[in-house]
Protein backbone atom coordinates (compact mmCIF):
# COMPACT_ATOMS: atom_id res chain seq x y z
CA MET A 1 -10.22 7.76 12.60
CA GLN A 2 -10.92 9.81 15.64
CA GLU A 3 -10.68 6.61 17.51
CA PHE A 4 -6.89 6.47 16.83
CA LEU A 5 -6.11 9.95 18.32
CA PRO A 6 -6.38 9.04 21.98
CA VAL A 7 -3.87 6.20 21.22
CA ILE A 8 -1.52 8.67 19.58
CA ASP A 9 -2.14 11.07 22.48
CA ASN A 10 -0.94 8.28 24.89
CA LEU A 11 2.21 7.40 22.79
CA GLU A 12 3.24 10.95 22.84
CA ARG A 13 2.91 10.88 26.74
CA ALA A 14 5.03 7.95 26.83
CA LEU A 15 7.65 9.44 24.72
CA SER A 16 7.79 12.64 26.88
CA HIS A 17 8.20 10.58 29.98
CA ALA A 18 10.59 7.72 28.66
CA GLU A 19 14.24 7.30 29.59
CA PRO A 20 16.31 8.96 26.88
CA ALA A 21 18.60 5.96 26.04
CA SER A 22 16.10 3.20 26.52
CA GLY A 23 15.02 0.59 24.07
CA LEU A 24 11.44 1.06 25.04
CA LEU A 25 11.85 4.83 23.78
CA GLU A 26 12.90 3.65 20.55
CA GLY A 27 10.16 0.99 20.14
CA VAL A 28 7.41 3.62 21.12
CA SER A 29 8.74 6.06 18.86
CA MET A 30 8.50 3.77 15.92
CA VAL A 31 4.89 2.69 16.91
CA HIS A 32 4.28 6.54 16.99
CA LYS A 33 5.64 7.25 13.51
CA GLN A 34 3.87 4.33 11.96
CA VAL A 35 0.42 5.29 13.42
CA LEU A 36 0.96 8.94 12.14
CA ALA A 37 2.00 7.56 8.82
CA VAL A 38 -1.35 5.61 8.72
CA LEU A 39 -3.40 8.54 9.57
CA GLU A 40 -1.57 10.54 7.04
CA ARG A 41 -2.65 8.05 4.30
CA PHE A 42 -6.19 9.00 5.25
CA GLY A 43 -5.52 12.75 4.97
CA VAL A 44 -5.42 13.19 8.83
CA THR A 45 -2.57 15.42 9.97
CA PRO A 46 -1.71 17.17 13.19
CA PHE A 47 -1.39 20.96 13.32
CA ASP A 48 0.99 23.17 15.10
CA SER A 49 -0.47 25.51 17.76
CA VAL A 50 2.18 26.90 20.03
CA GLY A 51 3.07 30.36 19.07
CA GLN A 52 -0.02 30.74 16.91
CA PRO A 53 -2.65 33.19 17.75
CA PHE A 54 -5.57 31.62 19.38
CA ASP A 55 -8.22 30.51 16.94
CA PRO A 56 -11.36 29.42 18.33
CA GLU A 57 -12.18 27.46 15.08
CA ARG A 58 -9.02 25.32 15.86
CA HIS A 59 -8.14 25.63 19.63
CA GLU A 60 -9.94 24.85 22.88
CA ALA A 61 -8.75 27.14 25.65
CA ILE A 62 -8.26 25.21 28.73
CA GLN A 63 -6.27 27.91 30.83
CA GLN A 64 -4.67 31.17 30.41
CA ALA A 65 -1.10 31.65 31.85
CA ALA A 66 1.66 34.54 31.93
CA SER A 67 4.40 33.96 29.28
CA GLU A 68 6.91 35.95 27.16
CA LEU A 69 4.43 35.51 24.09
CA PRO A 70 2.12 38.40 23.39
CA PRO A 71 -1.53 38.10 24.77
CA GLY A 72 -3.98 35.90 22.73
CA THR A 73 -0.98 33.53 21.54
CA VAL A 74 -0.94 29.92 22.13
CA CYS A 75 1.82 29.44 24.75
CA GLN A 76 1.35 25.42 25.46
CA GLU A 77 -0.45 22.69 23.96
CA ALA A 78 -2.15 20.07 26.32
CA GLN A 79 -3.41 18.00 23.49
CA ARG A 80 -2.71 18.24 19.64
CA GLY A 81 -5.13 19.04 17.24
CA TYR A 82 -5.89 17.39 13.80
CA LEU A 83 -7.26 18.17 10.37
CA ARG A 84 -8.46 16.20 7.42
CA GLY A 85 -7.65 18.49 4.58
CA ASP A 86 -9.18 21.69 5.74
CA ARG A 87 -11.71 20.24 7.96
CA LEU A 88 -11.04 19.99 11.68
CA VAL A 89 -11.14 16.45 13.22
CA ARG A 90 -10.29 17.63 16.68
CA PRO A 91 -9.34 20.96 18.19
CA ALA A 92 -6.04 21.35 20.02
CA MET A 93 -6.45 22.01 23.72
CA VAL A 94 -4.26 25.00 24.40
CA VAL A 95 -3.02 27.44 27.23
CA VAL A 96 -3.38 31.01 25.91
CA SER A 97 -0.82 33.56 26.93
CA VAL A 98 -1.98 36.78 28.87
CA GLY A 99 1.51 38.44 28.16
CA PRO A 100 4.33 38.79 30.50
CA VAL A 101 3.74 39.31 34.27
CA ALA A 102 4.16 42.97 34.65
CA ALA A 103 6.93 43.87 37.30
CA PRO A 104 6.26 46.34 39.91
CA PRO A 105 7.50 49.95 39.19
CA ALA A 106 11.03 50.57 40.35
CA GLY A 107 11.72 51.33 43.93
CA GLN A 108 8.27 50.07 45.00
CA ALA A 109 9.20 46.33 45.20
CA GLY A 110 8.64 44.85 48.75
CA GLN A 111 7.08 48.07 50.33
CA PRO A 112 4.22 47.30 52.21
CA ALA A 113 0.96 49.12 51.49
CA PRO A 114 0.24 52.16 53.74
CA GLN A 115 -2.19 51.32 56.37
CA GLU A 116 -5.21 53.47 57.87
CA GLY A 117 -4.20 54.88 61.30
CA GLY A 118 -0.54 54.41 61.26
CA ALA A 119 2.28 56.90 62.04
CA GLY A 120 1.14 60.47 61.16
CA SER A 121 -2.52 59.79 61.51
CA THR A 122 -4.88 62.36 62.64
CA GLY A 123 -7.17 59.93 64.52
CA SER A 124 -8.83 60.97 67.61
CA ASN A 125 -7.09 58.13 69.62
CA SER A 126 -3.65 59.72 70.56
CA GLY A 127 -2.83 57.52 73.39
CA ASP A 128 -2.00 60.59 76.07
CA GLY A 129 -5.30 60.46 77.80
CA ALA A 130 -5.78 64.17 77.38
CA THR A 131 -9.36 65.52 76.86
């Protein structure tokens, strides 16, 4: 069964990159549905990951990314995971949210950080040559 999963992955990649109104898209879609139906007859089904809390029993994290989802939630799926009944056939390869990117506090956006020795510095190099 596991040997069929890369075939399904490639069919899904083809579907996501095909021209919307092409006959090829329709044909690949039919083959994809047929292969999934065959796997289902043997009890193998894909499971949803996006929007679910990260579960190390079902997910393989490949990256972390900022998203609107809460931290620790799956925000993207690179490769679907499959179950046979309650048994894991293949974990899903996922991107896990670290939460939204924090915006800088109001009024501080675009202001450079203060530098040492700048205006108002009490350094000994005043530049006037007096001793």
